[in-house]
Amino acid sequence: MARMASFEVSRVIEALPSSVQETAKAVSVVFDKKPRKYLTQEGIEPDTMGLFEGPSCMDQEGAVVELPPQITLFLENIWDEAEADEARFREEIRITLLHELGHYLGYDELDLTERDLE
């Protein structure tokens, strides 16, 4: 699953407009099976598919940043959402990645919903 997800992440980033690609490449993307216990204790739902943590690119300008921005994709949750269908899994990776990149770019949930990235 991680290999397929990694390939899809690369493909999605390469398909972005060049003006956004460099910004997108500045945030690391990591994979985990499911949200860890400390995240669920902080209110993250156990079936969450992706999570953006850290400052958005809008917050970083001239600021001292302690933690770098990071997107975590929870592969088992995405696989479950895709009902173990490889094509749907790739599509869910794309949607989840773009949703979390949207947070990195400073969009809130309403902005992302308006862009069909829920």
PDB file of N, CA and C in Angstrom:
ATOM      1  N   MET A   1       0.817  -1.201   0.000  1.00  0.00           N
ATOM      2  CA  MET A   1       0.000   0.000   0.000  1.00  0.00           C
ATOM      3  C   MET A   1       0.862   1.268   0.000  1.00  0.00           C
ATOM      4  N   ALA A   2       1.910   1.282   0.823  1.00  0.00           N
ATOM      5  CA  ALA A   2       2.748   2.480   0.931  1.00  0.00           C
ATOM      6  C   ALA A   2       3.417   2.802  -0.398  1.00  0.00           C
ATOM      7  N   ARG A   3       3.830   1.776  -1.096  1.00  0.00           N
ATOM      8  CA  ARG A   3       4.487   1.990  -2.390  1.00  0.00           C
ATOM      9  C   ARG A   3       3.526   2.614  -3.399  1.00  0.00           C
ATOM     10  N   MET A   4       2.308   2.076  -3.438  1.00  0.00           N
ATOM     11  CA  MET A   4       1.289   2.608  -4.339  1.00  0.00           C
ATOM     12  C   MET A   4       0.945   4.055  -3.941  1.00  0.00           C
ATOM     13  N   ALA A   5       0.830   4.309  -2.642  1.00  0.00           N
ATOM     14  CA  ALA A   5       0.517   5.655  -2.161  1.00  0.00           C
ATOM     15  C   ALA A   5       1.633   6.627  -2.501  1.00  0.00           C
ATOM     16  N   SER A   6       2.876   6.206  -2.322  1.00  0.00           N
ATOM     17  CA  SER A   6       4.019   7.063  -2.629  1.00  0.00           C
ATOM     18  C   SER A   6       4.040   7.447  -4.105  1.00  0.00           C
ATOM     19  N   PHE A   7       3.783   6.471  -4.959  1.00  0.00           N
ATOM     20  CA  PHE A   7       3.723   6.734  -6.394  1.00  0.00           C
ATOM     21  C   PHE A   7       2.622   7.750  -6.698  1.00  0.00           C
ATOM     22  N   GLU A   8       1.453   7.568  -6.079  1.00  0.00           N
ATOM     23  CA  GLU A   8       0.318   8.457  -6.334  1.00  0.00           C
ATOM     24  C   GLU A   8       0.601   9.872  -5.822  1.00  0.00           C
ATOM     25  N   VAL A   9       1.236   9.982  -4.668  1.00  0.00           N
ATOM     26  CA  VAL A   9       1.598  11.302  -4.133  1.00  0.00           C
ATOM     27  C   VAL A   9       2.507  12.022  -5.121  1.00  0.00           C
ATOM     28  N   SER A  10       3.517  11.333  -5.619  1.00  0.00           N
ATOM     29  CA  SER A  10       4.427  11.940  -6.596  1.00  0.00           C
ATOM     30  C   SER A  10       3.678  12.374  -7.850  1.00  0.00           C
ATOM     31  N   ARG A  11       2.795  11.528  -8.320  1.00  0.00           N
ATOM     32  CA  ARG A  11       2.017  11.825  -9.519  1.00  0.00           C
ATOM     33  C   ARG A  11       1.128  13.052  -9.322  1.00  0.00           C
ATOM     34  N   VAL A  12       0.483  13.135  -8.164  1.00  0.00           N
ATOM     35  CA  VAL A  12      -0.404  14.266  -7.875  1.00  0.00           C
ATOM     36  C   VAL A  12       0.403  15.567  -7.815  1.00  0.00           C
ATOM     37  N   ILE A  13       1.521  15.555  -7.141  1.00  0.00           N
ATOM     38  CA  ILE A  13       2.338  16.773  -7.013  1.00  0.00           C
ATOM     39  C   ILE A  13       2.872  17.209  -8.366  1.00  0.00           C
ATOM     40  N   GLU A  14       3.299  16.258  -9.186  1.00  0.00           N
ATOM     41  CA  GLU A  14       3.803  16.599 -10.516  1.00  0.00           C
ATOM     42  C   GLU A  14       2.712  17.155 -11.419  1.00  0.00           C
ATOM     43  N   ALA A  15       1.454  16.823 -11.149  1.00  0.00           N
ATOM     44  CA  ALA A  15       0.345  17.305 -11.972  1.00  0.00           C
ATOM     45  C   ALA A  15      -0.147  18.693 -11.549  1.00  0.00           C
ATOM     46  N   LEU A  16       0.342  19.184 -10.426  1.00  0.00           N
ATOM     47  CA  LEU A  16      -0.063  20.518  -9.968  1.00  0.00           C
ATOM     48  C   LEU A  16       0.494  21.596 -10.892  1.00  0.00           C
ATOM     49  N   PRO A  17      -0.154  22.734 -10.949  1.00  0.00           N
ATOM     50  CA  PRO A  17       0.425  23.848 -11.719  1.00  0.00           C
ATOM     51  C   PRO A  17       1.819  24.175 -11.172  1.00  0.00           C
ATOM     52  N   SER A  18       2.715  24.547 -12.048  1.00  0.00           N
ATOM     53  CA  SER A  18       4.099  24.804 -11.624  1.00  0.00           C
ATOM     54  C   SER A  18       4.182  25.850 -10.523  1.00  0.00           C
ATOM     55  N   SER A  19       3.251  26.789 -10.502  1.00  0.00           N
ATOM     56  CA  SER A  19       3.267  27.818  -9.472  1.00  0.00           C
ATOM     57  C   SER A  19       2.981  27.254  -8.077  1.00  0.00           C
ATOM     58  N   VAL A  20       2.363  26.074  -8.004  1.00  0.00           N
ATOM     59  CA  VAL A  20       2.026  25.457  -6.724  1.00  0.00           C
ATOM     60  C   VAL A  20       2.977  24.307  -6.377  1.00  0.00           C
ATOM     61  N   GLN A  21       3.611  23.722  -7.383  1.00  0.00           N
ATOM     62  CA  GLN A  21       4.461  22.553  -7.168  1.00  0.00           C
ATOM     63  C   GLN A  21       5.557  22.794  -6.129  1.00  0.00           C
ATOM     64  N   GLU A  22       6.292  23.864  -6.248  1.00  0.00           N
ATOM     65  CA  GLU A  22       7.393  24.124  -5.314  1.00  0.00           C
ATOM     66  C   GLU A  22       6.888  24.288  -3.890  1.00  0.00           C
ATOM     67  N   THR A  23       5.760  24.957  -3.737  1.00  0.00           N
ATOM     68  CA  THR A  23       5.166  25.120  -2.410  1.00  0.00           C
ATOM     69  C   THR A  23       4.754  23.756  -1.870  1.00  0.00           C
ATOM     70  N   ALA A  24       4.143  22.923  -2.701  1.00  0.00           N
ATOM     71  CA  ALA A  24       3.706  21.595  -2.277  1.00  0.00           C
ATOM     72  C   ALA A  24       4.889  20.714  -1.902  1.00  0.00           C
ATOM     73  N   LYS A  25       5.991  20.869  -2.580  1.00  0.00           N
ATOM     74  CA  LYS A  25       7.174  20.054  -2.291  1.00  0.00           C
ATOM     75  C   LYS A  25       7.847  20.454  -0.981  1.00  0.00           C
ATOM     76  N   ALA A  26       7.468  21.591  -0.423  1.00  0.00           N
ATOM     77  CA  ALA A  26       8.064  22.063   0.827  1.00  0.00           C
ATOM     78  C   ALA A  26       7.469  21.381   2.056  1.00  0.00           C
ATOM     79  N   VAL A  27       6.371  20.681   1.898  1.00  0.00           N
ATOM     80  CA  VAL A  27       5.748  19.980   3.020  1.00  0.00           C
ATOM     81  C   VAL A  27       6.004  18.483   2.855  1.00  0.00           C
ATOM     82  N   SER A  28       6.456  17.839   3.933  1.00  0.00           N
ATOM     83  CA  SER A  28       6.722  16.409   3.824  1.00  0.00           C
ATOM     84  C   SER A  28       5.410  15.631   3.930  1.00  0.00           C
ATOM     85  N   VAL A  29       5.380  14.504   3.235  1.00  0.00           N
ATOM     86  CA  VAL A  29       4.228  13.610   3.273  1.00  0.00           C
ATOM     87  C   VAL A  29       4.725  12.278   3.818  1.00  0.00           C
ATOM     88  N   VAL A  30       4.085  11.841   4.903  1.00  0.00           N
ATOM     89  CA  VAL A  30       4.446  10.567   5.522  1.00  0.00           C
ATOM     90  C   VAL A  30       3.209   9.681   5.577  1.00  0.00           C
ATOM     91  N   PHE A  31       3.458   8.397   5.775  1.00  0.00           N
ATOM     92  CA  PHE A  31       2.373   7.425   5.827  1.00  0.00           C
ATOM     93  C   PHE A  31       2.347   6.750   7.187  1.00  0.00           C
ATOM     94  N   ASP A  32       1.151   6.485   7.650  1.00  0.00           N
ATOM     95  CA  ASP A  32       0.944   5.712   8.863  1.00  0.00           C
ATOM     96  C   ASP A  32      -0.276   4.842   8.603  1.00  0.00           C
ATOM     97  N   LYS A  33      -0.448   3.804   9.398  1.00  0.00           N
ATOM     98  CA  LYS A  33      -1.594   2.920   9.201  1.00  0.00           C
ATOM     99  C   LYS A  33      -2.887   3.616   9.603  1.00  0.00           C
ATOM    100  N   LYS A  34      -2.914   4.106  10.825  1.00  0.00           N
ATOM    101  CA  LYS A  34      -4.083   4.764  11.414  1.00  0.00           C
ATOM    102  C   LYS A  34      -3.576   5.845  12.364  1.00  0.00           C
ATOM    103  N   PRO A  35      -4.437   6.772  12.771  1.00  0.00           N
ATOM    104  CA  PRO A  35      -4.004   7.772  13.751  1.00  0.00           C
ATOM    105  C   PRO A  35      -3.559   7.089  15.051  1.00  0.00           C
ATOM    106  N   ARG A  36      -2.439   7.534  15.555  1.00  0.00           N
ATOM    107  CA  ARG A  36      -1.923   6.963  16.803  1.00  0.00           C
ATOM    108  C   ARG A  36      -2.757   7.428  17.986  1.00  0.00           C
ATOM    109  N   LYS A  37      -2.596   6.718  19.087  1.00  0.00           N
ATOM    110  CA  LYS A  37      -3.417   6.954  20.273  1.00  0.00           C
ATOM    111  C   LYS A  37      -3.377   8.407  20.739  1.00  0.00           C
ATOM    112  N   TYR A  38      -2.197   9.023  20.723  1.00  0.00           N
ATOM    113  CA  TYR A  38      -2.104  10.418  21.187  1.00  0.00           C
ATOM    114  C   TYR A  38      -2.945  11.343  20.308  1.00  0.00           C
ATOM    115  N   LEU A  39      -3.078  11.025  19.039  1.00  0.00           N
ATOM    116  CA  LEU A  39      -3.906  11.850  18.153  1.00  0.00           C
ATOM    117  C   LEU A  39      -5.391  11.668  18.461  1.00  0.00           C
ATOM    118  N   THR A  40      -5.811  10.433  18.682  1.00  0.00           N
ATOM    119  CA  THR A  40      -7.222  10.213  18.995  1.00  0.00           C
ATOM    120  C   THR A  40      -7.567  10.809  20.360  1.00  0.00           C
ATOM    121  N   GLN A  41      -6.597  10.819  21.263  1.00  0.00           N
ATOM    122  CA  GLN A  41      -6.823  11.450  22.567  1.00  0.00           C
ATOM    123  C   GLN A  41      -6.954  12.966  22.425  1.00  0.00           C
ATOM    124  N   GLU A  42      -6.373  13.518  21.370  1.00  0.00           N
ATOM    125  CA  GLU A  42      -6.477  14.952  21.102  1.00  0.00           C
ATOM    126  C   GLU A  42      -7.708  15.291  20.264  1.00  0.00           C
ATOM    127  N   GLY A  43      -8.518  14.283  19.939  1.00  0.00           N
ATOM    128  CA  GLY A  43      -9.758  14.543  19.214  1.00  0.00           C
ATOM    129  C   GLY A  43      -9.765  14.160  17.747  1.00  0.00           C
ATOM    130  N   ILE A  44      -8.671  13.631  17.242  1.00  0.00           N
ATOM    131  CA  ILE A  44      -8.645  13.174  15.846  1.00  0.00           C
ATOM    132  C   ILE A  44      -9.429  11.867  15.776  1.00  0.00           C
ATOM    133  N   GLU A  45     -10.376  11.791  14.844  1.00  0.00           N
ATOM    134  CA  GLU A  45     -11.211  10.598  14.709  1.00  0.00           C
ATOM    135  C   GLU A  45     -10.352   9.402  14.274  1.00  0.00           C
ATOM    136  N   PRO A  46     -10.649   8.210  14.798  1.00  0.00           N
ATOM    137  CA  PRO A  46      -9.871   7.024  14.438  1.00  0.00           C
ATOM    138  C   PRO A  46      -9.913   6.680  12.950  1.00  0.00           C
ATOM    139  N   ASP A  47     -10.972   7.117  12.238  1.00  0.00           N
ATOM    140  CA  ASP A  47     -11.081   6.801  10.812  1.00  0.00           C
ATOM    141  C   ASP A  47     -10.606   7.940   9.902  1.00  0.00           C
ATOM    142  N   THR A  48      -9.914   8.910  10.475  1.00  0.00           N
ATOM    143  CA  THR A  48      -9.366  10.025   9.693  1.00  0.00           C
ATOM    144  C   THR A  48      -8.427   9.495   8.618  1.00  0.00           C
ATOM    145  N   MET A  49      -8.519  10.068   7.424  1.00  0.00           N
ATOM    146  CA  MET A  49      -7.691   9.595   6.307  1.00  0.00           C
ATOM    147  C   MET A  49      -6.419  10.415   6.128  1.00  0.00           C
ATOM    148  N   GLY A  50      -6.429  11.657   6.570  1.00  0.00           N
ATOM    149  CA  GLY A  50      -5.244  12.490   6.417  1.00  0.00           C
ATOM    150  C   GLY A  50      -5.218  13.570   7.461  1.00  0.00           C
ATOM    151  N   LEU A  51      -4.016  14.082   7.725  1.00  0.00           N
ATOM    152  CA  LEU A  51      -3.853  15.114   8.735  1.00  0.00           C
ATOM    153  C   LEU A  51      -2.707  16.034   8.340  1.00  0.00           C
ATOM    154  N   PHE A  52      -2.976  17.332   8.396  1.00  0.00           N
ATOM    155  CA  PHE A  52      -1.918  18.324   8.204  1.00  0.00           C
ATOM    156  C   PHE A  52      -1.542  18.846   9.576  1.00  0.00           C
ATOM    157  N   GLU A  53      -0.247  18.870   9.863  1.00  0.00           N
ATOM    158  CA  GLU A  53       0.246  19.412  11.120  1.00  0.00           C
ATOM    159  C   GLU A  53       1.354  20.411  10.828  1.00  0.00           C
ATOM    160  N   GLY A  54       1.410  21.446  11.646  1.00  0.00           N
ATOM    161  CA  GLY A  54       2.452  22.445  11.492  1.00  0.00           C
ATOM    162  C   GLY A  54       1.892  23.733  10.938  1.00  0.00           C
ATOM    163  N   PRO A  55       2.763  24.681  10.697  1.00  0.00           N
ATOM    164  CA  PRO A  55       2.313  25.975  10.183  1.00  0.00           C
ATOM    165  C   PRO A  55       1.982  25.899   8.695  1.00  0.00           C
ATOM    166  N   SER A  56       0.975  26.654   8.284  1.00  0.00           N
ATOM    167  CA  SER A  56       0.690  26.732   6.855  1.00  0.00           C
ATOM    168  C   SER A  56       1.792  27.553   6.201  1.00  0.00           C
ATOM    169  N   CYS A  57       1.860  27.527   4.901  1.00  0.00           N
ATOM    170  CA  CYS A  57       2.891  28.316   4.217  1.00  0.00           C
ATOM    171  C   CYS A  57       2.643  29.803   4.439  1.00  0.00           C
ATOM    172  N   MET A  58       1.401  30.183   4.732  1.00  0.00           N
ATOM    173  CA  MET A  58       1.077  31.580   5.011  1.00  0.00           C
ATOM    174  C   MET A  58       1.633  32.008   6.369  1.00  0.00           C
ATOM    175  N   ASP A  59       1.713  31.074   7.327  1.00  0.00           N
ATOM    176  CA  ASP A  59       2.200  31.376   8.670  1.00  0.00           C
ATOM    177  C   ASP A  59       3.717  31.432   8.749  1.00  0.00           C
ATOM    178  N   GLN A  60       4.403  30.865   7.780  1.00  0.00           N
ATOM    179  CA  GLN A  60       5.850  30.707   7.866  1.00  0.00           C
ATOM    180  C   GLN A  60       6.637  31.951   7.487  1.00  0.00           C
ATOM    181  N   GLU A  61       6.049  32.846   6.758  1.00  0.00           N
ATOM    182  CA  GLU A  61       6.791  34.000   6.261  1.00  0.00           C
ATOM    183  C   GLU A  61       7.354  34.825   7.410  1.00  0.00           C
ATOM    184  N   GLY A  62       8.666  34.791   7.564  1.00  0.00           N
ATOM    185  CA  GLY A  62       9.356  35.586   8.569  1.00  0.00           C
ATOM    186  C   GLY A  62       9.212  35.074   9.985  1.00  0.00           C
ATOM    187  N   ALA A  63       8.548  33.950  10.177  1.00  0.00           N
ATOM    188  CA  ALA A  63       8.341  33.423  11.523  1.00  0.00           C
ATOM    189  C   ALA A  63       9.372  32.348  11.844  1.00  0.00           C
ATOM    190  N   VAL A  64       9.685  32.232  13.123  1.00  0.00           N
ATOM    191  CA  VAL A  64      10.522  31.139  13.582  1.00  0.00           C
ATOM    192  C   VAL A  64       9.596  29.944  13.785  1.00  0.00           C
ATOM    193  N   VAL A  65       9.897  28.867  13.081  1.00  0.00           N
ATOM    194  CA  VAL A  65       9.023  27.699  13.101  1.00  0.00           C
ATOM    195  C   VAL A  65       9.736  26.563  13.827  1.00  0.00           C
ATOM    196  N   GLU A  66       9.097  26.032  14.878  1.00  0.00           N
ATOM    197  CA  GLU A  66       9.700  24.944  15.626  1.00  0.00           C
ATOM    198  C   GLU A  66       9.536  23.596  14.926  1.00  0.00           C
ATOM    199  N   LEU A  67       8.349  23.343  14.396  1.00  0.00           N
ATOM    200  CA  LEU A  67       8.079  22.083  13.718  1.00  0.00           C
ATOM    201  C   LEU A  67       7.831  22.333  12.239  1.00  0.00           C
ATOM    202  N   PRO A  68       8.421  21.520  11.376  1.00  0.00           N
ATOM    203  CA  PRO A  68       8.151  21.693   9.945  1.00  0.00           C
ATOM    204  C   PRO A  68       6.753  21.193   9.613  1.00  0.00           C
ATOM    205  N   PRO A  69       6.154  21.712   8.553  1.00  0.00           N
ATOM    206  CA  PRO A  69       4.832  21.235   8.148  1.00  0.00           C
ATOM    207  C   PRO A  69       4.913  19.791   7.662  1.00  0.00           C
ATOM    208  N   GLN A  70       3.849  19.048   7.953  1.00  0.00           N
ATOM    209  CA  GLN A  70       3.825  17.640   7.567  1.00  0.00           C
ATOM    210  C   GLN A  70       2.394  17.195   7.296  1.00  0.00           C
ATOM    211  N   ILE A  71       2.257  16.378   6.272  1.00  0.00           N
ATOM    212  CA  ILE A  71       0.981  15.723   5.973  1.00  0.00           C
ATOM    213  C   ILE A  71       1.163  14.239   6.256  1.00  0.00           C
ATOM    214  N   THR A  72       0.234  13.691   7.024  1.00  0.00           N
ATOM    215  CA  THR A  72       0.226  12.252   7.271  1.00  0.00           C
ATOM    216  C   THR A  72      -1.000  11.670   6.581  1.00  0.00           C
ATOM    217  N   LEU A  73      -0.768  10.646   5.771  1.00  0.00           N
ATOM    218  CA  LEU A  73      -1.860   9.908   5.139  1.00  0.00           C
ATOM    219  C   LEU A  73      -1.996   8.578   5.869  1.00  0.00           C
ATOM    220  N   PHE A  74      -3.206   8.276   6.344  1.00  0.00           N
ATOM    221  CA  PHE A  74      -3.467   7.059   7.099  1.00  0.00           C
ATOM    222  C   PHE A  74      -3.968   5.989   6.135  1.00  0.00           C
ATOM    223  N   LEU A  75      -3.035   5.150   5.707  1.00  0.00           N
ATOM    224  CA  LEU A  75      -3.280   4.262   4.581  1.00  0.00           C
ATOM    225  C   LEU A  75      -4.336   3.197   4.830  1.00  0.00           C
ATOM    226  N   GLU A  76      -4.395   2.615   6.020  1.00  0.00           N
ATOM    227  CA  GLU A  76      -5.426   1.608   6.264  1.00  0.00           C
ATOM    228  C   GLU A  76      -6.819   2.229   6.216  1.00  0.00           C
ATOM    229  N   ASN A  77      -6.946   3.454   6.721  1.00  0.00           N
ATOM    230  CA  ASN A  77      -8.248   4.127   6.668  1.00  0.00           C
ATOM    231  C   ASN A  77      -8.631   4.469   5.232  1.00  0.00           C
ATOM    232  N   ILE A  78      -7.660   4.891   4.443  1.00  0.00           N
ATOM    233  CA  ILE A  78      -7.933   5.202   3.040  1.00  0.00           C
ATOM    234  C   ILE A  78      -8.305   3.919   2.285  1.00  0.00           C
ATOM    235  N   TRP A  79      -7.591   2.835   2.571  1.00  0.00           N
ATOM    236  CA  TRP A  79      -7.881   1.543   1.939  1.00  0.00           C
ATOM    237  C   TRP A  79      -9.288   1.081   2.294  1.00  0.00           C
ATOM    238  N   ASP A  80      -9.661   1.245   3.568  1.00  0.00           N
ATOM    239  CA  ASP A  80     -11.013   0.872   4.002  1.00  0.00           C
ATOM    240  C   ASP A  80     -12.064   1.724   3.283  1.00  0.00           C
ATOM    241  N   GLU A  81     -11.821   3.024   3.185  1.00  0.00           N
ATOM    242  CA  GLU A  81     -12.755   3.921   2.499  1.00  0.00           C
ATOM    243  C   GLU A  81     -12.904   3.520   1.031  1.00  0.00           C
ATOM    244  N   ALA A  82     -11.817   3.068   0.431  1.00  0.00           N
ATOM    245  CA  ALA A  82     -11.818   2.655  -0.978  1.00  0.00           C
ATOM    246  C   ALA A  82     -12.371   1.240  -1.151  1.00  0.00           C
ATOM    247  N   GLU A  83     -12.747   0.597  -0.050  1.00  0.00           N
ATOM    248  CA  GLU A  83     -13.278  -0.766  -0.079  1.00  0.00           C
ATOM    249  C   GLU A  83     -12.334  -1.726  -0.796  1.00  0.00           C
ATOM    250  N   ALA A  84     -11.032  -1.548  -0.517  1.00  0.00           N
ATOM    251  CA  ALA A  84      -9.978  -2.420  -1.045  1.00  0.00           C
ATOM    252  C   ALA A  84      -9.910  -2.433  -2.572  1.00  0.00           C
ATOM    253  N   ASP A  85     -10.368  -1.374  -3.194  1.00  0.00           N
ATOM    254  CA  ASP A  85     -10.303  -1.238  -4.651  1.00  0.00           C
ATOM    255  C   ASP A  85      -9.119  -0.328  -4.984  1.00  0.00           C
ATOM    256  N   GLU A  86      -8.176  -0.839  -5.762  1.00  0.00           N
ATOM    257  CA  GLU A  86      -6.947  -0.107  -6.043  1.00  0.00           C
ATOM    258  C   GLU A  86      -7.195   1.238  -6.728  1.00  0.00           C
ATOM    259  N   ALA A  87      -8.069   1.279  -7.701  1.00  0.00           N
ATOM    260  CA  ALA A  87      -8.347   2.543  -8.403  1.00  0.00           C
ATOM    261  C   ALA A  87      -8.964   3.561  -7.444  1.00  0.00           C
ATOM    262  N   ARG A  88      -9.895   3.117  -6.616  1.00  0.00           N
ATOM    263  CA  ARG A  88     -10.506   4.029  -5.635  1.00  0.00           C
ATOM    264  C   ARG A  88      -9.485   4.460  -4.588  1.00  0.00           C
ATOM    265  N   PHE A  89      -8.587   3.553  -4.208  1.00  0.00           N
ATOM    266  CA  PHE A  89      -7.525   3.883  -3.259  1.00  0.00           C
ATOM    267  C   PHE A  89      -6.667   5.024  -3.805  1.00  0.00           C
ATOM    268  N   ARG A  90      -6.269   4.913  -5.051  1.00  0.00           N
ATOM    269  CA  ARG A  90      -5.461   5.973  -5.666  1.00  0.00           C
ATOM    270  C   ARG A  90      -6.230   7.299  -5.700  1.00  0.00           C
ATOM    271  N   GLU A  91      -7.506   7.243  -6.007  1.00  0.00           N
ATOM    272  CA  GLU A  91      -8.330   8.445  -6.043  1.00  0.00           C
ATOM    273  C   GLU A  91      -8.465   9.053  -4.640  1.00  0.00           C
ATOM    274  N   GLU A  92      -8.645   8.218  -3.639  1.00  0.00           N
ATOM    275  CA  GLU A  92      -8.742   8.717  -2.261  1.00  0.00           C
ATOM    276  C   GLU A  92      -7.419   9.302  -1.792  1.00  0.00           C
ATOM    277  N   ILE A  93      -6.309   8.723  -2.225  1.00  0.00           N
ATOM    278  CA  ILE A  93      -4.993   9.307  -1.918  1.00  0.00           C
ATOM    279  C   ILE A  93      -4.929  10.702  -2.524  1.00  0.00           C
ATOM    280  N   ARG A  94      -5.327  10.829  -3.780  1.00  0.00           N
ATOM    281  CA  ARG A  94      -5.297  12.128  -4.474  1.00  0.00           C
ATOM    282  C   ARG A  94      -6.152  13.154  -3.737  1.00  0.00           C
ATOM    283  N   ILE A  95      -7.395  12.791  -3.448  1.00  0.00           N
ATOM    284  CA  ILE A  95      -8.309  13.733  -2.792  1.00  0.00           C
ATOM    285  C   ILE A  95      -7.799  14.107  -1.408  1.00  0.00           C
ATOM    286  N   THR A  96      -7.357  13.121  -0.641  1.00  0.00           N
ATOM    287  CA  THR A  96      -6.883  13.392   0.723  1.00  0.00           C
ATOM    288  C   THR A  96      -5.625  14.252   0.689  1.00  0.00           C
ATOM    289  N   LEU A  97      -4.711  13.949  -0.209  1.00  0.00           N
ATOM    290  CA  LEU A  97      -3.492  14.751  -0.317  1.00  0.00           C
ATOM    291  C   LEU A  97      -3.823  16.194  -0.691  1.00  0.00           C
ATOM    292  N   LEU A  98      -4.676  16.376  -1.688  1.00  0.00           N
ATOM    293  CA  LEU A  98      -5.038  17.739  -2.097  1.00  0.00           C
ATOM    294  C   LEU A  98      -5.769  18.479  -0.976  1.00  0.00           C
ATOM    295  N   HIS A  99      -6.591  17.770  -0.229  1.00  0.00           N
ATOM    296  CA  HIS A  99      -7.280  18.379   0.915  1.00  0.00           C
ATOM    297  C   HIS A  99      -6.251  18.881   1.938  1.00  0.00           C
ATOM    298  N   GLU A 100      -5.306  18.024   2.291  1.00  0.00           N
ATOM    299  CA  GLU A 100      -4.304  18.411   3.296  1.00  0.00           C
ATOM    300  C   GLU A 100      -3.346  19.476   2.753  1.00  0.00           C
ATOM    301  N   LEU A 101      -3.020  19.420   1.476  1.00  0.00           N
ATOM    302  CA  LEU A 101      -2.224  20.495   0.863  1.00  0.00           C
ATOM    303  C   LEU A 101      -2.980  21.815   0.929  1.00  0.00           C
ATOM    304  N   GLY A 102      -4.298  21.733   0.779  1.00  0.00           N
ATOM    305  CA  GLY A 102      -5.119  22.935   0.908  1.00  0.00           C
ATOM    306  C   GLY A 102      -4.961  23.567   2.279  1.00  0.00           C
ATOM    307  N   HIS A 103      -4.923  22.743   3.321  1.00  0.00           N
ATOM    308  CA  HIS A 103      -4.695  23.282   4.669  1.00  0.00           C
ATOM    309  C   HIS A 103      -3.317  23.945   4.750  1.00  0.00           C
ATOM    310  N   TYR A 104      -2.330  23.306   4.139  1.00  0.00           N
ATOM    311  CA  TYR A 104      -0.987  23.885   4.126  1.00  0.00           C
ATOM    312  C   TYR A 104      -0.988  25.240   3.415  1.00  0.00           C
ATOM    313  N   LEU A 105      -1.808  25.362   2.387  1.00  0.00           N
ATOM    314  CA  LEU A 105      -1.890  26.625   1.647  1.00  0.00           C
ATOM    315  C   LEU A 105      -2.746  27.665   2.360  1.00  0.00           C
ATOM    316  N   GLY A 106      -3.355  27.266   3.483  1.00  0.00           N
ATOM    317  CA  GLY A 106      -4.117  28.217   4.283  1.00  0.00           C
ATOM    318  C   GLY A 106      -5.624  28.142   4.124  1.00  0.00           C
ATOM    319  N   TYR A 107      -6.134  27.163   3.387  1.00  0.00           N
ATOM    320  CA  TYR A 107      -7.577  27.019   3.215  1.00  0.00           C
ATOM    321  C   TYR A 107      -8.199  26.366   4.445  1.00  0.00           C
ATOM    322  N   ASP A 108      -9.419  26.791   4.785  1.00  0.00           N
ATOM    323  CA  ASP A 108     -10.144  26.136   5.867  1.00  0.00           C
ATOM    324  C   ASP A 108     -11.092  25.097   5.269  1.00  0.00           C
ATOM    325  N   GLU A 109     -11.854  24.420   6.116  1.00  0.00           N
ATOM    326  CA  GLU A 109     -12.740  23.345   5.650  1.00  0.00           C
ATOM    327  C   GLU A 109     -13.769  23.841   4.633  1.00  0.00           C
ATOM    328  N   LEU A 110     -14.321  25.012   4.847  1.00  0.00           N
ATOM    329  CA  LEU A 110     -15.313  25.554   3.920  1.00  0.00           C
ATOM    330  C   LEU A 110     -14.685  25.800   2.545  1.00  0.00           C
ATOM    331  N   ASP A 111     -13.495  26.393   2.522  1.00  0.00           N
ATOM    332  CA  ASP A 111     -12.789  26.615   1.250  1.00  0.00           C
ATOM    333  C   ASP A 111     -12.581  25.297   0.510  1.00  0.00           C
ATOM    334  N   LEU A 112     -12.193  24.263   1.249  1.00  0.00           N
ATOM    335  CA  LEU A 112     -11.923  22.958   0.632  1.00  0.00           C
ATOM    336  C   LEU A 112     -13.198  22.296   0.137  1.00  0.00           C
ATOM    337  N   THR A 113     -14.277  22.434   0.872  1.00  0.00           N
ATOM    338  CA  THR A 113     -15.558  21.889   0.439  1.00  0.00           C
ATOM    339  C   THR A 113     -16.003  22.578  -0.862  1.00  0.00           C
ATOM    340  N   GLU A 114     -15.824  23.879  -0.938  1.00  0.00           N
ATOM    341  CA  GLU A 114     -16.183  24.604  -2.162  1.00  0.00           C
ATOM    342  C   GLU A 114     -15.367  24.148  -3.368  1.00  0.00           C
ATOM    343  N   ARG A 115     -14.211  23.558  -3.115  1.00  0.00           N
ATOM    344  CA  ARG A 115     -13.342  23.066  -4.185  1.00  0.00           C
ATOM    345  C   ARG A 115     -13.474  21.554  -4.381  1.00  0.00           C
ATOM    346  N   ASP A 116     -14.530  20.959  -3.786  1.00  0.00           N
ATOM    347  CA  ASP A 116     -14.781  19.513  -3.855  1.00  0.00           C
ATOM    348  C   ASP A 116     -13.615  18.689  -3.324  1.00  0.00           C
ATOM    349  N   LEU A 117     -12.986  19.164  -2.255  1.00  0.00           N
ATOM    350  CA  LEU A 117     -11.888  18.448  -1.633  1.00  0.00           C
ATOM    351  C   LEU A 117     -12.229  18.113  -0.187  1.00  0.00           C
ATOM    352  N   GLU A 118     -13.397  17.535   0.000  1.00  0.00           N
ATOM    353  CA  GLU A 118     -13.841  17.217   1.361  1.00  0.00           C
ATOM    354  C   GLU A 118     -13.301  15.904   1.831  1.00  0.00           C
TER     355      GLU A 118
END
